[in-house]
Amino acid sequence: MADSPLLQIGDSIVFLADEFPDMGCRAPQTLGGTTGTLHIYVRDVDRAYQRAVAAGAEVRMPATDMFWGDRYAKVADPFGHEWGINQQLKEMSKEETDAAAQLFFAKQE
């Protein structure tokens, strides 16, 4: 495993591999898009976001304070996998989140 491509996030290790079409494993670029987003919580969203962009990730959404109490950014890695990068700014009750969501979506109309 020493030569295998690994990505370490905190104390978690993610194994990375090229696509293997003969085994039914295809990259998002081959499929024309991704079917999901990997979400990770970090201590400093802005730092993680800048590191990802500096390493070649494509910006999908810059780091922004969100109505549900998180700071959130979204990037796509060079293989087309999308990553949501989150940092909890404040803990909110369901009632607080619902009220904040109503205000947010009212402004979108």
PDB file of N, CA and C in Angstrom:
ATOM      1  N   MET A   1       0.811  -1.204   0.000  1.00  0.00           N
ATOM      2  CA  MET A   1       0.000   0.000   0.000  1.00  0.00           C
ATOM      3  C   MET A   1       0.851   1.263   0.000  1.00  0.00           C
ATOM      4  N   ALA A   2       2.136   1.150   0.248  1.00  0.00           N
ATOM      5  CA  ALA A   2       2.980   2.347   0.335  1.00  0.00           C
ATOM      6  C   ALA A   2       3.001   3.130  -0.969  1.00  0.00           C
ATOM      7  N   ASP A   3       2.891   2.459  -2.119  1.00  0.00           N
ATOM      8  CA  ASP A   3       2.922   3.146  -3.403  1.00  0.00           C
ATOM      9  C   ASP A   3       1.535   3.532  -3.908  1.00  0.00           C
ATOM     10  N   SER A   4       0.482   3.147  -3.183  1.00  0.00           N
ATOM     11  CA  SER A   4      -0.877   3.450  -3.606  1.00  0.00           C
ATOM     12  C   SER A   4      -1.190   4.917  -3.345  1.00  0.00           C
ATOM     13  N   PRO A   5      -1.989   5.539  -4.226  1.00  0.00           N
ATOM     14  CA  PRO A   5      -2.364   6.940  -4.000  1.00  0.00           C
ATOM     15  C   PRO A   5      -3.364   7.029  -2.852  1.00  0.00           C
ATOM     16  N   LEU A   6      -2.981   7.721  -1.789  1.00  0.00           N
ATOM     17  CA  LEU A   6      -3.842   7.865  -0.630  1.00  0.00           C
ATOM     18  C   LEU A   6      -4.058   9.340  -0.342  1.00  0.00           C
ATOM     19  N   LEU A   7      -5.210   9.651   0.148  1.00  0.00           N
ATOM     20  CA  LEU A   7      -5.551  10.999   0.570  1.00  0.00           C
ATOM     21  C   LEU A   7      -5.901  10.911   2.040  1.00  0.00           C
ATOM     22  N   GLN A   8      -5.211  11.662   2.873  1.00  0.00           N
ATOM     23  CA  GLN A   8      -5.502  11.656   4.298  1.00  0.00           C
ATOM     24  C   GLN A   8      -6.211  12.940   4.678  1.00  0.00           C
ATOM     25  N   ILE A   9      -7.365  12.790   5.312  1.00  0.00           N
ATOM     26  CA  ILE A   9      -8.153  13.909   5.812  1.00  0.00           C
ATOM     27  C   ILE A   9      -8.297  13.683   7.309  1.00  0.00           C
ATOM     28  N   GLY A  10      -7.595  14.486   8.094  1.00  0.00           N
ATOM     29  CA  GLY A  10      -7.583  14.253   9.536  1.00  0.00           C
ATOM     30  C   GLY A  10      -6.971  12.900   9.818  1.00  0.00           C
ATOM     31  N   ASP A  11      -7.705  12.056  10.525  1.00  0.00           N
ATOM     32  CA  ASP A  11      -7.200  10.713  10.791  1.00  0.00           C
ATOM     33  C   ASP A  11      -7.820   9.668   9.866  1.00  0.00           C
ATOM     34  N   SER A  12      -8.520  10.110   8.823  1.00  0.00           N
ATOM     35  CA  SER A  12      -9.144   9.195   7.863  1.00  0.00           C
ATOM     36  C   SER A  12      -8.327   9.132   6.584  1.00  0.00           C
ATOM     37  N   ILE A  13      -8.243   7.943   6.009  1.00  0.00           N
ATOM     38  CA  ILE A  13      -7.497   7.741   4.768  1.00  0.00           C
ATOM     39  C   ILE A  13      -8.464   7.292   3.679  1.00  0.00           C
ATOM     40  N   VAL A  14      -8.381   7.956   2.528  1.00  0.00           N
ATOM     41  CA  VAL A  14      -9.198   7.615   1.369  1.00  0.00           C
ATOM     42  C   VAL A  14      -8.248   7.065   0.303  1.00  0.00           C
ATOM     43  N   PHE A  15      -8.546   5.891  -0.218  1.00  0.00           N
ATOM     44  CA  PHE A  15      -7.747   5.282  -1.283  1.00  0.00           C
ATOM     45  C   PHE A  15      -8.238   5.829  -2.612  1.00  0.00           C
ATOM     46  N   LEU A  16      -7.316   6.260  -3.444  1.00  0.00           N
ATOM     47  CA  LEU A  16      -7.656   6.808  -4.759  1.00  0.00           C
ATOM     48  C   LEU A  16      -7.172   5.862  -5.848  1.00  0.00           C
ATOM     49  N   ALA A  17      -7.923   5.771  -6.918  1.00  0.00           N
ATOM     50  CA  ALA A  17      -7.527   4.911  -8.033  1.00  0.00           C
ATOM     51  C   ALA A  17      -8.039   5.493  -9.337  1.00  0.00           C
ATOM     52  N   ASP A  18      -7.364   5.149 -10.422  1.00  0.00           N
ATOM     53  CA  ASP A  18      -7.849   5.514 -11.747  1.00  0.00           C
ATOM     54  C   ASP A  18      -9.102   4.714 -12.043  1.00  0.00           C
ATOM     55  N   GLU A  19      -9.828   5.148 -13.057  1.00  0.00           N
ATOM     56  CA  GLU A  19     -11.006   4.377 -13.413  1.00  0.00           C
ATOM     57  C   GLU A  19     -10.591   3.038 -14.014  1.00  0.00           C
ATOM     58  N   PHE A  20     -11.457   2.050 -13.827  1.00  0.00           N
ATOM     59  CA  PHE A  20     -11.262   0.712 -14.383  1.00  0.00           C
ATOM     60  C   PHE A  20     -12.529   0.344 -15.139  1.00  0.00           C
ATOM     61  N   PRO A  21     -12.678   0.785 -16.382  1.00  0.00           N
ATOM     62  CA  PRO A  21     -13.916   0.531 -17.122  1.00  0.00           C
ATOM     63  C   PRO A  21     -14.279  -0.951 -17.210  1.00  0.00           C
ATOM     64  N   ASP A  22     -13.282  -1.817 -17.312  1.00  0.00           N
ATOM     65  CA  ASP A  22     -13.569  -3.255 -17.399  1.00  0.00           C
ATOM     66  C   ASP A  22     -14.178  -3.807 -16.114  1.00  0.00           C
ATOM     67  N   MET A  23     -13.987  -3.087 -15.011  1.00  0.00           N
ATOM     68  CA  MET A  23     -14.533  -3.505 -13.717  1.00  0.00           C
ATOM     69  C   MET A  23     -15.780  -2.693 -13.345  1.00  0.00           C
ATOM     70  N   GLY A  24     -16.256  -1.841 -14.275  1.00  0.00           N
ATOM     71  CA  GLY A  24     -17.446  -1.035 -14.027  1.00  0.00           C
ATOM     72  C   GLY A  24     -17.187   0.210 -13.204  1.00  0.00           C
ATOM     73  N   CYS A  25     -15.932   0.582 -13.037  1.00  0.00           N
ATOM     74  CA  CYS A  25     -15.575   1.765 -12.252  1.00  0.00           C
ATOM     75  C   CYS A  25     -15.181   2.882 -13.218  1.00  0.00           C
ATOM     76  N   ARG A  26     -16.049   3.897 -13.340  1.00  0.00           N
ATOM     77  CA  ARG A  26     -15.801   4.979 -14.289  1.00  0.00           C
ATOM     78  C   ARG A  26     -15.718   6.318 -13.558  1.00  0.00           C
ATOM     79  N   ALA A  27     -14.914   7.198 -14.086  1.00  0.00           N
ATOM     80  CA  ALA A  27     -14.737   8.536 -13.513  1.00  0.00           C
ATOM     81  C   ALA A  27     -15.913   9.426 -13.890  1.00  0.00           C
ATOM     82  N   PRO A  28     -16.206  10.444 -13.077  1.00  0.00           N
ATOM     83  CA  PRO A  28     -17.283  11.381 -13.414  1.00  0.00           C
ATOM     84  C   PRO A  28     -17.115  12.011 -14.794  1.00  0.00           C
ATOM     85  N   GLN A  29     -15.876  12.299 -15.214  1.00  0.00           N
ATOM     86  CA  GLN A  29     -15.660  12.893 -16.533  1.00  0.00           C
ATOM     87  C   GLN A  29     -16.132  11.959 -17.639  1.00  0.00           C
ATOM     88  N   THR A  30     -15.915  10.662 -17.475  1.00  0.00           N
ATOM     89  CA  THR A  30     -16.366   9.685 -18.468  1.00  0.00           C
ATOM     90  C   THR A  30     -17.887   9.633 -18.522  1.00  0.00           C
ATOM     91  N   LEU A  31     -18.512   9.773 -17.363  1.00  0.00           N
ATOM     92  CA  LEU A  31     -19.967   9.684 -17.275  1.00  0.00           C
ATOM     93  C   LEU A  31     -20.663  11.000 -17.608  1.00  0.00           C
ATOM     94  N   GLY A  32     -19.891  12.077 -17.764  1.00  0.00           N
ATOM     95  CA  GLY A  32     -20.485  13.372 -18.077  1.00  0.00           C
ATOM     96  C   GLY A  32     -20.946  14.124 -16.836  1.00  0.00           C
ATOM     97  N   GLY A  33     -20.497  13.730 -15.677  1.00  0.00           N
ATOM     98  CA  GLY A  33     -20.844  14.414 -14.423  1.00  0.00           C
ATOM     99  C   GLY A  33     -20.795  13.447 -13.267  1.00  0.00           C
ATOM    100  N   THR A  34     -20.894  13.991 -12.085  1.00  0.00           N
ATOM    101  CA  THR A  34     -20.854  13.156 -10.888  1.00  0.00           C
ATOM    102  C   THR A  34     -22.261  12.883 -10.380  1.00  0.00           C
ATOM    103  N   THR A  35     -22.424  11.798  -9.658  1.00  0.00           N
ATOM    104  CA  THR A  35     -23.737  11.443  -9.119  1.00  0.00           C
ATOM    105  C   THR A  35     -23.881  11.842  -7.658  1.00  0.00           C
ATOM    106  N   GLY A  36     -22.832  12.413  -7.089  1.00  0.00           N
ATOM    107  CA  GLY A  36     -22.898  12.804  -5.686  1.00  0.00           C
ATOM    108  C   GLY A  36     -21.753  13.730  -5.329  1.00  0.00           C
ATOM    109  N   THR A  37     -21.782  14.206  -4.100  1.00  0.00           N
ATOM    110  CA  THR A  37     -20.740  15.083  -3.586  1.00  0.00           C
ATOM    111  C   THR A  37     -20.225  14.509  -2.280  1.00  0.00           C
ATOM    112  N   LEU A  38     -18.921  14.508  -2.118  1.00  0.00           N
ATOM    113  CA  LEU A  38     -18.309  14.105  -0.860  1.00  0.00           C
ATOM    114  C   LEU A  38     -18.275  15.337   0.030  1.00  0.00           C
ATOM    115  N   HIS A  39     -18.810  15.242   1.232  1.00  0.00           N
ATOM    116  CA  HIS A  39     -18.832  16.379   2.155  1.00  0.00           C
ATOM    117  C   HIS A  39     -17.894  16.096   3.315  1.00  0.00           C
ATOM    118  N   ILE A  40     -17.049  17.071   3.629  1.00  0.00           N
ATOM    119  CA  ILE A  40     -16.151  16.933   4.766  1.00  0.00           C
ATOM    120  C   ILE A  40     -16.259  18.176   5.645  1.00  0.00           C
ATOM    121  N   TYR A  41     -16.165  17.950   6.944  1.00  0.00           N
ATOM    122  CA  TYR A  41     -16.106  19.056   7.890  1.00  0.00           C
ATOM    123  C   TYR A  41     -14.653  19.276   8.268  1.00  0.00           C
ATOM    124  N   VAL A  42     -14.236  20.531   8.280  1.00  0.00           N
ATOM    125  CA  VAL A  42     -12.862  20.914   8.603  1.00  0.00           C
ATOM    126  C   VAL A  42     -12.895  22.043   9.633  1.00  0.00           C
ATOM    127  N   ARG A  43     -11.745  22.317  10.230  1.00  0.00           N
ATOM    128  CA  ARG A  43     -11.658  23.400  11.221  1.00  0.00           C
ATOM    129  C   ARG A  43     -11.617  24.776  10.569  1.00  0.00           C
ATOM    130  N   ASP A  44     -11.058  24.844   9.345  1.00  0.00           N
ATOM    131  CA  ASP A  44     -10.888  26.128   8.664  1.00  0.00           C
ATOM    132  C   ASP A  44     -11.230  25.963   7.192  1.00  0.00           C
ATOM    133  N   VAL A  45     -12.468  26.261   6.858  1.00  0.00           N
ATOM    134  CA  VAL A  45     -12.958  26.080   5.484  1.00  0.00           C
ATOM    135  C   VAL A  45     -12.150  26.910   4.489  1.00  0.00           C
ATOM    136  N   ASP A  46     -11.832  28.138   4.846  1.00  0.00           N
ATOM    137  CA  ASP A  46     -11.119  29.010   3.908  1.00  0.00           C
ATOM    138  C   ASP A  46      -9.737  28.450   3.574  1.00  0.00           C
ATOM    139  N   ARG A  47      -9.058  27.942   4.566  1.00  0.00           N
ATOM    140  CA  ARG A  47      -7.730  27.361   4.341  1.00  0.00           C
ATOM    141  C   ARG A  47      -7.838  26.104   3.471  1.00  0.00           C
ATOM    142  N   ALA A  48      -8.776  25.220   3.793  1.00  0.00           N
ATOM    143  CA  ALA A  48      -8.947  23.990   3.021  1.00  0.00           C
ATOM    144  C   ALA A  48      -9.340  24.299   1.578  1.00  0.00           C
ATOM    145  N   TYR A  49     -10.225  25.275   1.407  1.00  0.00           N
ATOM    146  CA  TYR A  49     -10.673  25.689   0.082  1.00  0.00           C
ATOM    147  C   TYR A  49      -9.497  26.220  -0.739  1.00  0.00           C
ATOM    148  N   GLN A  50      -8.705  27.116  -0.147  1.00  0.00           N
ATOM    149  CA  GLN A  50      -7.553  27.676  -0.863  1.00  0.00           C
ATOM    150  C   GLN A  50      -6.540  26.594  -1.223  1.00  0.00           C
ATOM    151  N   ARG A  51      -6.307  25.661  -0.328  1.00  0.00           N
ATOM    152  CA  ARG A  51      -5.375  24.556  -0.612  1.00  0.00           C
ATOM    153  C   ARG A  51      -5.893  23.701  -1.772  1.00  0.00           C
ATOM    154  N   ALA A  52      -7.188  23.428  -1.774  1.00  0.00           N
ATOM    155  CA  ALA A  52      -7.773  22.614  -2.846  1.00  0.00           C
ATOM    156  C   ALA A  52      -7.642  23.323  -4.194  1.00  0.00           C
ATOM    157  N   VAL A  53      -7.956  24.613  -4.223  1.00  0.00           N
ATOM    158  CA  VAL A  53      -7.856  25.380  -5.471  1.00  0.00           C
ATOM    159  C   VAL A  53      -6.398  25.453  -5.930  1.00  0.00           C
ATOM    160  N   ALA A  54      -5.474  25.680  -4.999  1.00  0.00           N
ATOM    161  CA  ALA A  54      -4.047  25.737  -5.349  1.00  0.00           C
ATOM    162  C   ALA A  54      -3.542  24.402  -5.889  1.00  0.00           C
ATOM    163  N   ALA A  55      -4.184  23.317  -5.455  1.00  0.00           N
ATOM    164  CA  ALA A  55      -3.779  21.978  -5.908  1.00  0.00           C
ATOM    165  C   ALA A  55      -4.456  21.573  -7.219  1.00  0.00           C
ATOM    166  N   GLY A  56      -5.301  22.453  -7.777  1.00  0.00           N
ATOM    167  CA  GLY A  56      -5.905  22.169  -9.077  1.00  0.00           C
ATOM    168  C   GLY A  56      -7.401  21.928  -9.068  1.00  0.00           C
ATOM    169  N   ALA A  57      -8.059  22.078  -7.928  1.00  0.00           N
ATOM    170  CA  ALA A  57      -9.508  21.897  -7.885  1.00  0.00           C
ATOM    171  C   ALA A  57     -10.200  23.062  -8.588  1.00  0.00           C
ATOM    172  N   GLU A  58     -11.317  22.768  -9.223  1.00  0.00           N
ATOM    173  CA  GLU A  58     -12.116  23.788  -9.905  1.00  0.00           C
ATOM    174  C   GLU A  58     -13.184  24.306  -8.950  1.00  0.00           C
ATOM    175  N   VAL A  59     -13.318  25.604  -8.868  1.00  0.00           N
ATOM    176  CA  VAL A  59     -14.297  26.216  -7.973  1.00  0.00           C
ATOM    177  C   VAL A  59     -15.706  25.956  -8.490  1.00  0.00           C
ATOM    178  N   ARG A  60     -16.543  25.415  -7.628  1.00  0.00           N
ATOM    179  CA  ARG A  60     -17.968  25.268  -7.928  1.00  0.00           C
ATOM    180  C   ARG A  60     -18.774  26.305  -7.142  1.00  0.00           C
ATOM    181  N   MET A  61     -18.279  26.622  -5.912  1.00  0.00           N
ATOM    182  CA  MET A  61     -18.906  27.641  -5.075  1.00  0.00           C
ATOM    183  C   MET A  61     -17.848  28.136  -4.098  1.00  0.00           C
ATOM    184  N   PRO A  62     -17.566  29.430  -4.090  1.00  0.00           N
ATOM    185  CA  PRO A  62     -16.573  29.944  -3.141  1.00  0.00           C
ATOM    186  C   PRO A  62     -17.069  29.813  -1.696  1.00  0.00           C
ATOM    187  N   ALA A  63     -16.163  29.883  -0.759  1.00  0.00           N
ATOM    188  CA  ALA A  63     -16.521  29.794   0.654  1.00  0.00           C
ATOM    189  C   ALA A  63     -17.501  30.899   1.022  1.00  0.00           C
ATOM    190  N   THR A  64     -18.623  30.498   1.614  1.00  0.00           N
ATOM    191  CA  THR A  64     -19.722  31.408   1.918  1.00  0.00           C
ATOM    192  C   THR A  64     -20.369  31.006   3.235  1.00  0.00           C
ATOM    193  N   ASP A  65     -20.777  31.981   4.036  1.00  0.00           N
ATOM    194  CA  ASP A  65     -21.552  31.685   5.241  1.00  0.00           C
ATOM    195  C   ASP A  65     -22.965  31.314   4.806  1.00  0.00           C
ATOM    196  N   MET A  66     -23.441  30.156   5.294  1.00  0.00           N
ATOM    197  CA  MET A  66     -24.740  29.645   4.869  1.00  0.00           C
ATOM    198  C   MET A  66     -25.791  29.823   5.968  1.00  0.00           C
ATOM    199  N   PHE A  67     -27.070  29.813   5.569  1.00  0.00           N
ATOM    200  CA  PHE A  67     -28.146  30.069   6.511  1.00  0.00           C
ATOM    201  C   PHE A  67     -28.271  28.997   7.580  1.00  0.00           C
ATOM    202  N   TRP A  68     -27.740  27.807   7.361  1.00  0.00           N
ATOM    203  CA  TRP A  68     -27.876  26.728   8.340  1.00  0.00           C
ATOM    204  C   TRP A  68     -26.755  26.723   9.389  1.00  0.00           C
ATOM    205  N   GLY A  69     -25.894  27.754   9.366  1.00  0.00           N
ATOM    206  CA  GLY A  69     -24.889  27.899  10.402  1.00  0.00           C
ATOM    207  C   GLY A  69     -23.499  27.420  10.037  1.00  0.00           C
ATOM    208  N   ASP A  70     -23.315  26.970   8.812  1.00  0.00           N
ATOM    209  CA  ASP A  70     -22.000  26.511   8.350  1.00  0.00           C
ATOM    210  C   ASP A  70     -21.382  27.540   7.403  1.00  0.00           C
ATOM    211  N   ARG A  71     -20.087  27.502   7.299  1.00  0.00           N
ATOM    212  CA  ARG A  71     -19.375  28.145   6.187  1.00  0.00           C
ATOM    213  C   ARG A  71     -19.114  27.008   5.227  1.00  0.00           C
ATOM    214  N   TYR A  72     -19.403  27.203   3.940  1.00  0.00           N
ATOM    215  CA  TYR A  72     -19.426  26.103   2.975  1.00  0.00           C
ATOM    216  C   TYR A  72     -18.785  26.537   1.671  1.00  0.00           C
ATOM    217  N   ALA A  73     -18.031  25.631   1.088  1.00  0.00           N
ATOM    218  CA  ALA A  73     -17.458  25.829  -0.249  1.00  0.00           C
ATOM    219  C   ALA A  73     -17.610  24.523  -1.011  1.00  0.00           C
ATOM    220  N   LYS A  74     -17.548  24.612  -2.318  1.00  0.00           N
ATOM    221  CA  LYS A  74     -17.657  23.405  -3.139  1.00  0.00           C
ATOM    222  C   LYS A  74     -16.636  23.483  -4.260  1.00  0.00           C
ATOM    223  N   VAL A  75     -15.898  22.390  -4.462  1.00  0.00           N
ATOM    224  CA  VAL A  75     -14.886  22.306  -5.515  1.00  0.00           C
ATOM    225  C   VAL A  75     -15.026  20.965  -6.227  1.00  0.00           C
ATOM    226  N   ALA A  76     -14.438  20.886  -7.402  1.00  0.00           N
ATOM    227  CA  ALA A  76     -14.348  19.611  -8.127  1.00  0.00           C
ATOM    228  C   ALA A  76     -12.872  19.305  -8.311  1.00  0.00           C
ATOM    229  N   ASP A  77     -12.492  18.069  -7.992  1.00  0.00           N
ATOM    230  CA  ASP A  77     -11.089  17.691  -8.169  1.00  0.00           C
ATOM    231  C   ASP A  77     -10.809  17.468  -9.653  1.00  0.00           C
ATOM    232  N   PRO A  78      -9.552  17.285 -10.044  1.00  0.00           N
ATOM    233  CA  PRO A  78      -9.220  17.142 -11.472  1.00  0.00           C
ATOM    234  C   PRO A  78      -9.888  15.950 -12.159  1.00  0.00           C
ATOM    235  N   PHE A  79     -10.433  15.009 -11.387  1.00  0.00           N
ATOM    236  CA  PHE A  79     -11.098  13.845 -11.971  1.00  0.00           C
ATOM    237  C   PHE A  79     -12.603  14.033 -12.074  1.00  0.00           C
ATOM    238  N   GLY A  80     -13.110  15.171 -11.566  1.00  0.00           N
ATOM    239  CA  GLY A  80     -14.529  15.474 -11.663  1.00  0.00           C
ATOM    240  C   GLY A  80     -15.336  15.163 -10.412  1.00  0.00           C
ATOM    241  N   HIS A  81     -14.702  14.634  -9.359  1.00  0.00           N
ATOM    242  CA  HIS A  81     -15.415  14.377  -8.107  1.00  0.00           C
ATOM    243  C   HIS A  81     -15.655  15.706  -7.399  1.00  0.00           C
ATOM    244  N   GLU A  82     -16.879  15.915  -6.924  1.00  0.00           N
ATOM    245  CA  GLU A  82     -17.210  17.162  -6.246  1.00  0.00           C
ATOM    246  C   GLU A  82     -17.079  16.982  -4.739  1.00  0.00           C
ATOM    247  N   TRP A  83     -16.525  18.020  -4.099  1.00  0.00           N
ATOM    248  CA  TRP A  83     -16.284  18.026  -2.668  1.00  0.00           C
ATOM    249  C   TRP A  83     -16.965  19.234  -2.048  1.00  0.00           C
ATOM    250  N   GLY A  84     -17.790  19.001  -1.041  1.00  0.00           N
ATOM    251  CA  GLY A  84     -18.348  20.064  -0.221  1.00  0.00           C
ATOM    252  C   GLY A  84     -17.464  20.191   1.009  1.00  0.00           C
ATOM    253  N   ILE A  85     -16.981  21.390   1.271  1.00  0.00           N
ATOM    254  CA  ILE A  85     -16.092  21.626   2.408  1.00  0.00           C
ATOM    255  C   ILE A  85     -16.862  22.489   3.405  1.00  0.00           C
ATOM    256  N   ASN A  86     -17.055  21.970   4.611  1.00  0.00           N
ATOM    257  CA  ASN A  86     -17.903  22.610   5.610  1.00  0.00           C
ATOM    258  C   ASN A  86     -17.132  22.935   6.881  1.00  0.00           C
ATOM    259  N   GLN A  87     -17.563  24.009   7.525  1.00  0.00           N
ATOM    260  CA  GLN A  87     -17.078  24.367   8.855  1.00  0.00           C
ATOM    261  C   GLN A  87     -18.281  24.877   9.630  1.00  0.00           C
ATOM    262  N   GLN A  88     -18.580  24.269  10.761  1.00  0.00           N
ATOM    263  CA  GLN A  88     -19.714  24.728  11.551  1.00  0.00           C
ATOM    264  C   GLN A  88     -19.339  26.022  12.259  1.00  0.00           C
ATOM    265  N   LEU A  89     -20.114  27.073  11.999  1.00  0.00           N
ATOM    266  CA  LEU A  89     -19.892  28.356  12.651  1.00  0.00           C
ATOM    267  C   LEU A  89     -20.710  28.472  13.928  1.00  0.00           C
ATOM    268  N   LYS A  90     -21.945  27.973  13.870  1.00  0.00           N
ATOM    269  CA  LYS A  90     -22.802  27.993  15.054  1.00  0.00           C
ATOM    270  C   LYS A  90     -23.802  26.853  14.963  1.00  0.00           C
ATOM    271  N   GLU A  91     -24.136  26.330  16.113  1.00  0.00           N
ATOM    272  CA  GLU A  91     -25.140  25.273  16.184  1.00  0.00           C
ATOM    273  C   GLU A  91     -26.507  25.930  16.234  1.00  0.00           C
ATOM    274  N   MET A  92     -27.416  25.418  15.405  1.00  0.00           N
ATOM    275  CA  MET A  92     -28.741  26.022  15.318  1.00  0.00           C
ATOM    276  C   MET A  92     -29.803  24.952  15.556  1.00  0.00           C
ATOM    277  N   SER A  93     -30.892  25.351  16.209  1.00  0.00           N
ATOM    278  CA  SER A  93     -32.022  24.442  16.400  1.00  0.00           C
ATOM    279  C   SER A  93     -32.761  24.292  15.066  1.00  0.00           C
ATOM    280  N   LYS A  94     -33.639  23.313  15.013  1.00  0.00           N
ATOM    281  CA  LYS A  94     -34.448  23.129  13.798  1.00  0.00           C
ATOM    282  C   LYS A  94     -35.285  24.377  13.530  1.00  0.00           C
ATOM    283  N   GLU A  95     -35.820  24.959  14.572  1.00  0.00           N
ATOM    284  CA  GLU A  95     -36.650  26.158  14.423  1.00  0.00           C
ATOM    285  C   GLU A  95     -35.817  27.329  13.882  1.00  0.00           C
ATOM    286  N   GLU A  96     -34.619  27.497  14.388  1.00  0.00           N
ATOM    287  CA  GLU A  96     -33.740  28.570  13.906  1.00  0.00           C
ATOM    288  C   GLU A  96     -33.351  28.336  12.443  1.00  0.00           C
ATOM    289  N   THR A  97     -33.052  27.085  12.105  1.00  0.00           N
ATOM    290  CA  THR A  97     -32.680  26.751  10.723  1.00  0.00           C
ATOM    291  C   THR A  97     -33.859  26.977   9.783  1.00  0.00           C
ATOM    292  N   ASP A  98     -35.055  26.550  10.202  1.00  0.00           N
ATOM    293  CA  ASP A  98     -36.253  26.749   9.371  1.00  0.00           C
ATOM    294  C   ASP A  98     -36.520  28.236   9.129  1.00  0.00           C
ATOM    295  N   ALA A  99     -36.402  29.050  10.176  1.00  0.00           N
ATOM    296  CA  ALA A  99     -36.633  30.495  10.038  1.00  0.00           C
ATOM    297  C   ALA A  99     -35.585  31.125   9.120  1.00  0.00           C
ATOM    298  N   ALA A 100     -34.326  30.721   9.284  1.00  0.00           N
ATOM    299  CA  ALA A 100     -33.255  31.247   8.431  1.00  0.00           C
ATOM    300  C   ALA A 100     -33.458  30.820   6.978  1.00  0.00           C
ATOM    301  N   ALA A 101     -33.931  29.597   6.767  1.00  0.00           N
ATOM    302  CA  ALA A 101     -34.194  29.110   5.409  1.00  0.00           C
ATOM    303  C   ALA A 101     -35.318  29.918   4.763  1.00  0.00           C
ATOM    304  N   GLN A 102     -36.367  30.201   5.508  1.00  0.00           N
ATOM    305  CA  GLN A 102     -37.477  30.994   4.961  1.00  0.00           C
ATOM    306  C   GLN A 102     -36.991  32.375   4.517  1.00  0.00           C
ATOM    307  N   LEU A 103     -36.177  33.019   5.350  1.00  0.00           N
ATOM    308  CA  LEU A 103     -35.627  34.331   4.980  1.00  0.00           C
ATOM    309  C   LEU A 103     -34.744  34.237   3.746  1.00  0.00           C
ATOM    310  N   PHE A 104     -33.894  33.213   3.722  1.00  0.00           N
ATOM    311  CA  PHE A 104     -32.978  33.036   2.585  1.00  0.00           C
ATOM    312  C   PHE A 104     -33.755  32.848   1.285  1.00  0.00           C
ATOM    313  N   PHE A 105     -34.718  31.932   1.275  1.00  0.00           N
ATOM    314  CA  PHE A 105     -35.442  31.647   0.037  1.00  0.00           C
ATOM    315  C   PHE A 105     -36.399  32.775  -0.357  1.00  0.00           C
ATOM    316  N   ALA A 106     -36.883  33.552   0.607  1.00  0.00           N
ATOM    317  CA  ALA A 106     -37.703  34.713   0.276  1.00  0.00           C
ATOM    318  C   ALA A 106     -36.886  35.749  -0.499  1.00  0.00           C
ATOM    319  N   LYS A 107     -35.624  35.871  -0.149  1.00  0.00           N
ATOM    320  CA  LYS A 107     -34.745  36.813  -0.860  1.00  0.00           C
ATOM    321  C   LYS A 107     -34.418  36.334  -2.271  1.00  0.00           C
ATOM    322  N   GLN A 108     -34.566  35.045  -2.550  1.00  0.00           N
ATOM    323  CA  GLN A 108     -34.232  34.481  -3.857  1.00  0.00           C
ATOM    324  C   GLN A 108     -35.327  34.728  -4.876  1.00  0.00           C
ATOM    325  N   GLU A 109     -36.530  35.024  -4.419  1.00  0.00           N
ATOM    326  CA  GLU A 109     -37.672  35.198  -5.335  1.00  0.00           C
ATOM    327  C   GLU A 109     -37.620  36.504  -6.060  1.00  0.00           C
TER     328      GLU A 109
END
